[in-house]
């Protein structure tokens, strides 16, 4: 109801170890209205655990897309329901 959304992401390697040191950024996308899309920057919380906090997000369906801006390849996406 407040419009405040927190996204937590844990990144692990093939062996299941947390991946620290990534430079993650992404996009909070509205599936039917690109004018509502919001860039997101994730910051490290602990080794391999990253977080983004976004205000002013309307309830409904959203897609989050994240990628590493550094040399190590990483990309992920997920559909979210904000209530």
Protein backbone atom coordinates (compact mmCIF):
# COMPACT_ATOMS: atom_id res chain seq x y z
CA UNK A 1 0.00 0.00 0.00
CA UNK A 2 2.94 2.37 0.64
CA UNK A 3 4.38 1.84 -2.85
CA UNK A 4 7.73 0.90 -1.32
CA UNK A 5 9.21 -2.27 -2.84
CA UNK A 6 12.32 -4.17 -1.76
CA UNK A 7 13.95 -6.69 -4.08
CA UNK A 8 16.40 -9.17 -2.58
CA UNK A 9 18.59 -11.32 -4.80
CA UNK A 10 21.08 -14.03 -3.83
CA UNK A 11 23.56 -14.97 -6.58
CA UNK A 12 25.34 -18.33 -6.39
CA UNK A 13 27.91 -19.95 -8.67
CA UNK A 14 27.62 -23.44 -10.20
CA UNK A 15 28.90 -25.01 -6.99
CA UNK A 16 26.33 -23.19 -4.82
CA UNK A 17 28.75 -20.64 -3.33
CA UNK A 18 27.54 -17.06 -2.96
CA UNK A 19 28.96 -14.64 -5.56
CA UNK A 20 30.17 -11.39 -3.99
CA UNK A 21 31.60 -8.41 -5.86
CA UNK A 22 29.05 -8.09 -8.66
CA UNK A 23 27.98 -4.68 -10.03
CA UNK A 24 24.26 -5.33 -10.51
CA UNK A 25 21.76 -3.02 -12.16
CA UNK A 26 18.47 -3.59 -13.83
CA UNK A 27 14.99 -2.53 -14.64
CA UNK A 28 11.61 -2.81 -12.94
CA UNK A 29 9.35 -3.15 -15.99
CA UNK A 30 5.62 -2.80 -16.24
CA UNK A 31 4.50 -5.45 -18.78
CA UNK A 32 1.94 -3.25 -20.52
CA UNK A 33 3.21 0.33 -20.07
CA UNK A 34 6.89 1.07 -20.68
CA UNK A 35 6.35 4.65 -19.43
CA UNK A 36 6.12 3.17 -15.91
CA UNK A 37 9.47 1.31 -16.18
CA UNK A 38 12.00 2.17 -13.47
CA UNK A 39 15.78 1.64 -13.41
CA UNK A 40 17.08 -0.14 -10.32
CA UNK A 41 20.52 -0.33 -8.75
CA UNK A 42 21.26 -3.21 -6.41
CA UNK A 43 23.70 -2.83 -3.55
CA UNK A 44 25.47 -5.59 -1.60
CA UNK A 45 23.96 -6.58 1.75
CA UNK A 46 26.28 -9.52 2.45
CA UNK A 47 28.48 -11.75 0.24
CA UNK A 48 26.30 -12.76 -2.72
CA UNK A 49 23.18 -11.01 -1.34
CA UNK A 50 22.05 -7.86 -3.15
CA UNK A 51 19.12 -5.50 -2.56
CA UNK A 52 17.22 -2.72 -4.31
CA UNK A 53 14.64 -0.44 -2.70
CA UNK A 54 12.20 1.40 -4.93
CA UNK A 55 9.49 3.86 -3.95
CA UNK A 56 6.32 4.85 -5.74
CA UNK A 57 5.55 1.44 -7.26
CA UNK A 58 1.88 0.85 -8.06
CA UNK A 59 0.23 -2.48 -7.20
CA UNK A 60 0.06 -5.06 -9.96
CA UNK A 61 2.28 -7.24 -12.11
CA UNK A 62 5.89 -6.17 -12.70
CA UNK A 63 8.93 -7.78 -14.28
CA UNK A 64 12.38 -7.34 -12.79
CA UNK A 65 15.44 -7.78 -15.01
CA UNK A 66 18.95 -7.72 -13.54
CA UNK A 67 22.40 -8.01 -15.08
CA UNK A 68 25.99 -7.63 -14.00
CA UNK A 69 27.74 -4.58 -15.45
CA UNK A 70 31.14 -6.13 -14.73
CA UNK A 71 33.08 -8.72 -16.72
CA UNK A 72 31.54 -11.77 -15.03
CA UNK A 73 28.39 -12.78 -16.96
CA UNK A 74 25.14 -12.78 -14.99
CA UNK A 75 21.57 -12.05 -16.05
CA UNK A 76 18.25 -12.90 -14.40
CA UNK A 77 14.59 -12.02 -14.66
CA UNK A 78 11.46 -12.69 -12.66
CA UNK A 79 7.79 -11.69 -12.71
CA UNK A 80 6.56 -10.12 -9.46
CA UNK A 81 3.18 -9.30 -8.02
CA UNK A 82 3.10 -6.09 -5.97
CA UNK A 83 0.12 -5.70 -3.69
